[in-house]
Amino acid sequence: MVPAPLLIGCDFSSSPSRRKPIVLAQGHRQGARVVLAGLERFESLEAFGRWLAAPRAWVGGFDLPFGLPRELVQALGWPLDWGACMAHYRGLARAQIRDAFAGFCAARPEGAKFAHRATDGPAGSSPSMKWVNPPVAYMLHAGVPLLLDAGVHLPGLWSGPQHADGAQRVALEAYPGLLAREVLGRRSYKSDDKAKHTPERLIARKDLLSALEIGRTRLGLRLVLSPAQHDALAQDASGDSLDAALCLLQAAWGQRRHAEGDALYGLPPGLDPLEGWIVTV
């Protein structure tokens, strides 16, 4: 019997630390069941990069943007090829990114300061050029180079190399807020501010977990947790552990589509090869 492929879901931080680590959920899919095997935390980008590059096969969902808006890239005169654009982007310092993006915004009218990717509208996601609240531009800057250096395949954007160990590592852009909103609407379920660790947010996390465990989402998948795992996800008031599990489910959906013959893991065939697309959107 062929073993179930390793699935991962990543709640990413562009500046990980002991207080705010990168959280990686690991598991596997058995039909419509997605079994959480465990959570791993990384307190540095270097440690996470070593994990990504290790000789193992996996399909992962990563909560960080994989591309910039085409409108922005064109306006700045950056390369329109994804690989060349990312090579240019990773060579910039954060201050250079902030200044370039702020200059772009300054020239635009109120209410339309930011450029958006095509996927942002249906996903409800922040524009990938935002450098504050949340700083997703810095997440792209920190995260995509780790994936490229690990030789990861990004469907629709980048074909990773054939590894000597024969293992293929596949990364999909995920967005946990998309799946959470399907269940909770606009109810908040997390905060990094301890003063906002309220009973209402705890109830929202428990409601979200209950929906995931019975499969009450359009993904058609059920999250399988032990009682201890359920409690750990519910009690993490930052929501980082739960977000990693949500990304795991989105990766499982993409892997299931691929197992059914979809080379793009459920991404739309007409996706913009510069901007990328969020899986399950």
Protein backbone atom coordinates (compact mmCIF):
# COMPACT_ATOMS: atom_id res chain seq x y z
CA MET A 1 0.00 0.00 0.00
CA VAL A 2 1.36 3.41 -0.98
CA PRO A 3 1.81 5.61 2.13
CA ALA A 4 -0.23 8.80 2.31
CA PRO A 5 1.90 11.79 1.27
CA LEU A 6 2.99 14.20 3.97
CA LEU A 7 0.86 17.32 4.12
CA ILE A 8 1.89 20.52 5.86
CA GLY A 9 0.19 23.79 6.76
CA CYS A 10 2.31 26.80 7.64
CA ASP A 11 1.38 29.84 9.70
CA PHE A 12 4.31 32.03 8.65
CA SER A 13 6.11 34.90 10.35
CA SER A 14 8.63 37.07 8.51
CA SER A 15 10.49 37.72 11.80
CA PRO A 16 10.01 34.54 13.85
CA SER A 17 10.98 34.44 17.51
CA ARG A 18 10.30 32.43 20.63
CA ARG A 19 7.26 34.63 21.26
CA LYS A 20 6.00 34.45 17.65
CA PRO A 21 7.39 31.34 15.94
CA ILE A 22 6.54 29.90 12.55
CA VAL A 23 3.99 27.13 13.22
CA LEU A 24 3.93 24.07 10.99
CA ALA A 25 1.04 21.59 11.10
CA GLN A 26 1.86 18.14 9.70
CA GLY A 27 -0.54 15.40 8.74
CA HIS A 28 -1.90 13.23 5.96
CA ARG A 29 -5.15 12.65 4.10
CA GLN A 30 -7.16 9.43 4.17
CA GLY A 31 -9.98 9.96 1.71
CA ALA A 32 -11.99 12.86 3.11
CA ARG A 33 -10.24 12.68 6.50
CA VAL A 34 -7.22 14.89 7.22
CA VAL A 35 -5.35 13.57 10.23
CA LEU A 36 -3.24 16.04 12.20
CA ALA A 37 -0.01 14.29 13.18
CA GLY A 38 1.46 17.19 15.13
CA LEU A 39 2.68 20.77 15.29
CA GLU A 40 6.26 22.00 15.01
CA ARG A 41 7.57 25.49 15.77
CA PHE A 42 10.54 27.37 14.34
CA GLU A 43 12.06 30.40 16.01
CA SER A 44 14.26 31.46 13.07
CA LEU A 45 14.03 31.63 9.28
CA GLU A 46 17.25 29.61 9.06
CA ALA A 47 15.80 26.69 11.04
CA PHE A 48 12.64 26.71 8.94
CA GLY A 49 14.68 26.83 5.74
CA ARG A 50 16.61 23.74 6.83
CA TRP A 51 13.34 21.87 7.43
CA LEU A 52 12.02 22.84 3.98
CA ALA A 53 15.20 21.70 2.23
CA ALA A 54 15.42 18.33 3.99
CA PRO A 55 15.06 15.29 1.67
CA ARG A 56 11.39 14.48 2.03
CA ALA A 57 8.33 14.81 -0.20
CA TRP A 58 5.37 16.94 0.83
CA VAL A 59 2.51 19.15 -0.31
CA GLY A 60 2.11 22.29 1.76
CA GLY A 61 -0.16 25.29 2.20
CA PHE A 62 1.69 28.45 3.21
CA ASP A 63 0.04 31.55 4.65
CA LEU A 64 2.09 34.09 2.72
CA PRO A 65 1.71 35.64 -0.73
CA PHE A 66 3.68 34.10 -3.57
CA GLY A 67 3.46 37.07 -5.94
CA LEU A 68 2.97 40.81 -6.33
CA PRO A 69 0.18 42.63 -8.22
CA ARG A 70 0.95 42.92 -11.92
CA GLU A 71 -0.15 46.57 -11.89
CA LEU A 72 2.45 47.34 -9.21
CA VAL A 73 5.27 45.44 -10.91
CA GLN A 74 4.58 47.18 -14.22
CA ALA A 75 4.46 50.62 -12.60
CA LEU A 76 7.80 50.07 -10.86
CA GLY A 77 9.45 48.74 -14.01
CA TRP A 78 10.38 45.45 -12.38
CA PRO A 79 10.70 42.19 -14.40
CA LEU A 80 7.36 40.71 -15.50
CA ASP A 81 8.70 37.15 -15.38
CA TRP A 82 7.94 35.66 -11.95
CA GLY A 83 11.39 34.15 -11.39
CA ALA A 84 13.20 37.32 -12.43
CA CYS A 85 10.82 39.45 -10.39
CA MET A 86 11.42 37.37 -7.26
CA ALA A 87 15.19 37.48 -7.84
CA HIS A 88 14.98 41.28 -7.96
CA TYR A 89 12.65 41.45 -4.96
CA ARG A 90 14.76 39.27 -2.68
CA GLY A 91 17.76 41.49 -3.41
CA LEU A 92 16.04 44.54 -1.91
CA ALA A 93 16.20 45.60 1.72
CA ARG A 94 12.93 46.05 3.58
CA ALA A 95 13.45 49.81 3.65
CA GLN A 96 13.78 49.82 -0.14
CA ILE A 97 10.56 47.82 -0.47
CA ARG A 98 8.73 50.17 1.87
CA ASP A 99 9.95 53.27 0.03
CA ALA A 100 9.08 51.87 -3.42
CA PHE A 101 5.59 50.80 -2.34
CA ALA A 102 4.94 54.02 -0.41
CA GLY A 103 5.91 56.05 -3.47
CA PHE A 104 3.48 54.01 -5.58
CA CYS A 105 0.67 54.59 -3.07
CA ALA A 106 1.40 58.33 -2.76
CA ALA A 107 0.67 58.86 -6.45
CA ARG A 108 -2.77 57.21 -6.24
CA PRO A 109 -6.14 58.60 -5.11
CA GLU A 110 -7.67 58.04 -1.69
CA GLY A 111 -9.48 54.74 -1.45
CA ALA A 112 -7.32 53.15 -4.16
CA LYS A 113 -3.83 53.42 -2.72
CA PHE A 114 -2.93 49.74 -3.05
CA ALA A 115 -2.76 47.56 -6.13
CA HIS A 116 -4.45 44.15 -5.82
CA ARG A 117 -3.93 40.75 -7.35
CA ALA A 118 -6.80 39.06 -9.14
CA THR A 119 -7.09 36.51 -6.31
CA ASP A 120 -7.47 39.14 -3.56
CA GLY A 121 -11.09 40.01 -4.37
CA PRO A 122 -12.63 36.52 -4.17
CA ALA A 123 -10.30 35.53 -1.31
CA GLY A 124 -10.86 38.66 0.75
CA SER A 125 -7.10 38.80 1.32
CA SER A 126 -4.87 41.80 1.98
CA PRO A 127 -2.91 43.14 -1.01
CA SER A 128 0.50 41.50 -1.14
CA MET A 129 2.18 44.91 -1.31
CA LYS A 130 1.08 45.91 2.21
CA TRP A 131 4.06 46.46 4.49
CA VAL A 132 2.02 47.04 7.70
CA ASN A 133 -1.12 45.57 9.29
CA PRO A 134 -0.36 42.88 8.17
CA PRO A 135 3.17 43.13 6.71
CA VAL A 136 2.52 40.59 3.96
CA ALA A 137 5.04 42.26 1.62
CA TYR A 138 7.77 41.33 4.11
CA MET A 139 6.33 37.82 4.46
CA LEU A 140 6.70 37.35 0.70
CA HIS A 141 10.24 38.81 0.91
CA ALA A 142 11.24 36.40 3.68
CA GLY A 143 9.28 33.29 2.70
CA VAL A 144 9.48 32.85 -1.06
CA PRO A 145 13.33 32.78 -1.10
CA LEU A 146 13.23 29.94 1.44
CA LEU A 147 10.95 27.97 -0.87
CA LEU A 148 13.10 28.67 -3.92
CA ASP A 149 16.32 27.75 -2.11
CA ALA A 150 14.69 24.47 -1.01
CA GLY A 151 13.91 23.64 -4.65
CA VAL A 152 10.16 23.68 -4.12
CA HIS A 153 7.64 23.40 -6.97
CA LEU A 154 5.07 26.21 -7.04
CA PRO A 155 2.27 25.14 -9.42
CA GLY A 156 1.49 27.79 -12.02
CA LEU A 157 4.54 29.86 -11.08
CA TRP A 158 7.75 27.89 -10.80
CA SER A 159 8.91 24.34 -11.53
CA GLY A 160 11.33 23.15 -8.90
CA PRO A 161 14.34 21.00 -9.82
CA GLN A 162 14.34 17.22 -9.83
CA HIS A 163 15.90 16.29 -6.51
CA ALA A 164 18.47 13.53 -6.24
CA ASP A 165 16.28 11.81 -3.64
CA GLY A 166 13.34 11.86 -6.08
CA ALA A 167 11.21 13.72 -3.55
CA GLN A 168 8.98 16.47 -4.82
CA ARG A 169 8.12 19.34 -2.52
CA VAL A 170 5.03 21.29 -3.60
CA ALA A 171 4.03 24.65 -2.13
CA LEU A 172 0.58 26.21 -2.49
CA GLU A 173 -0.33 29.70 -1.36
CA ALA A 174 -2.95 29.33 1.37
CA TYR A 175 -5.08 31.78 3.32
CA PRO A 176 -6.62 30.53 6.57
CA GLY A 177 -8.92 33.54 6.88
CA LEU A 178 -10.83 32.38 3.81
CA LEU A 179 -11.82 29.08 5.41
CA ALA A 180 -12.39 30.63 8.84
CA ARG A 181 -14.80 33.22 7.42
CA GLU A 182 -16.79 30.49 5.71
CA VAL A 183 -17.65 29.16 9.16
CA LEU A 184 -17.55 32.23 11.42
CA GLY A 185 -18.44 35.10 9.14
CA ARG A 186 -16.76 38.20 10.57
CA ARG A 187 -16.45 36.85 14.12
CA SER A 188 -12.90 37.24 15.39
CA TYR A 189 -11.21 34.09 16.70
CA LYS A 190 -7.65 35.24 17.46
CA SER A 191 -5.40 38.08 18.54
CA ASP A 192 -1.72 38.57 19.34
CA ASP A 193 -2.76 41.11 21.98
CA LYS A 194 -3.24 39.35 25.34
CA ALA A 195 -5.76 41.99 26.36
CA LYS A 196 -7.98 40.71 23.53
CA HIS A 197 -7.87 37.04 24.57
CA THR A 198 -11.57 37.11 25.34
CA PRO A 199 -14.11 34.36 26.06
CA GLU A 200 -15.88 35.31 22.82
CA ARG A 201 -12.78 34.54 20.78
CA LEU A 202 -12.34 31.21 22.61
CA ILE A 203 -15.93 30.29 21.75
CA ALA A 204 -15.29 31.25 18.12
CA ARG A 205 -12.22 28.98 17.98
CA LYS A 206 -14.24 26.11 19.45
CA ASP A 207 -17.05 26.71 16.96
CA LEU A 208 -14.56 26.75 14.09
CA LEU A 209 -12.92 23.53 15.28
CA SER A 210 -16.29 21.80 15.60
CA ALA A 211 -17.15 22.73 12.01
CA LEU A 212 -13.78 21.49 10.74
CA GLU A 213 -14.08 18.19 12.60
CA ILE A 214 -17.49 17.38 11.14
CA GLY A 215 -16.51 18.66 7.69
CA ARG A 216 -18.97 21.54 7.54
CA THR A 217 -17.09 23.48 4.84
CA ARG A 218 -17.16 23.47 1.05
CA LEU A 219 -13.80 21.66 0.96
CA GLY A 220 -15.48 18.34 1.71
CA LEU A 221 -12.79 17.40 4.22
CA ARG A 222 -12.86 16.53 7.92
CA LEU A 223 -10.06 17.46 10.30
CA VAL A 224 -9.24 14.54 12.60
CA LEU A 225 -7.84 15.58 16.00
CA SER A 226 -7.11 13.85 19.26
CA PRO A 227 -8.78 15.40 22.33
CA ALA A 228 -5.41 16.85 23.37
CA GLN A 229 -4.88 18.37 19.92
CA HIS A 230 -8.39 19.85 19.95
CA ASP A 231 -7.72 21.48 23.30
CA ALA A 232 -4.32 22.79 22.21
CA LEU A 233 -5.76 24.42 19.09
CA ALA A 234 -8.63 25.93 21.04
CA GLN A 235 -6.42 27.27 23.82
CA ASP A 236 -3.87 28.96 21.52
CA ALA A 237 -5.41 32.43 21.67
CA SER A 238 -3.01 33.79 19.05
CA GLY A 239 -4.74 31.51 16.54
CA ASP A 240 -1.39 30.51 15.05
CA SER A 241 -1.86 26.78 15.68
CA LEU A 242 -5.39 26.87 14.30
CA ASP A 243 -4.27 28.86 11.26
CA ALA A 244 -1.61 26.23 10.54
CA ALA A 245 -4.32 23.55 10.68
CA LEU A 246 -6.52 25.58 8.33
CA CYS A 247 -3.61 25.79 5.86
CA LEU A 248 -3.15 22.02 6.25
CA LEU A 249 -6.76 21.49 5.15
CA GLN A 250 -6.27 23.77 2.15
CA ALA A 251 -3.14 21.82 1.18
CA ALA A 252 -5.09 18.58 1.53
CA TRP A 253 -7.77 19.92 -0.82
CA GLY A 254 -5.12 20.76 -3.40
CA GLN A 255 -3.42 17.39 -2.99
CA ARG A 256 -6.76 15.64 -3.44
CA ARG A 257 -7.38 17.54 -6.68
CA HIS A 258 -3.92 16.56 -7.89
CA ALA A 259 -4.55 12.91 -7.03
CA GLU A 260 -7.66 13.16 -9.22
CA GLY A 261 -5.54 14.33 -12.16
CA ASP A 262 -5.33 18.11 -11.77
CA ALA A 263 -1.72 19.17 -12.43
CA LEU A 264 -2.38 22.59 -10.87
CA TYR A 265 -3.64 21.23 -7.52
CA GLY A 266 -7.00 22.96 -7.97
CA LEU A 267 -5.61 26.33 -9.05
CA PRO A 268 -7.41 27.88 -12.04
CA PRO A 269 -5.80 27.15 -15.44
CA GLY A 270 -5.91 30.85 -16.36
CA LEU A 271 -4.11 32.15 -13.28
CA ASP A 272 -1.73 35.07 -13.77
CA PRO A 273 1.79 33.52 -13.84
CA LEU A 274 3.24 36.65 -12.22
CA GLU A 275 0.67 37.12 -9.43
CA GLY A 276 -0.14 33.55 -8.44
CA TRP A 277 -3.38 32.36 -6.82
CA ILE A 278 -4.64 31.24 -3.41
CA VAL A 279 -5.58 27.56 -3.26
CA THR A 280 -9.32 26.76 -2.78
CA VAL A 281 -10.35 30.24 -4.08
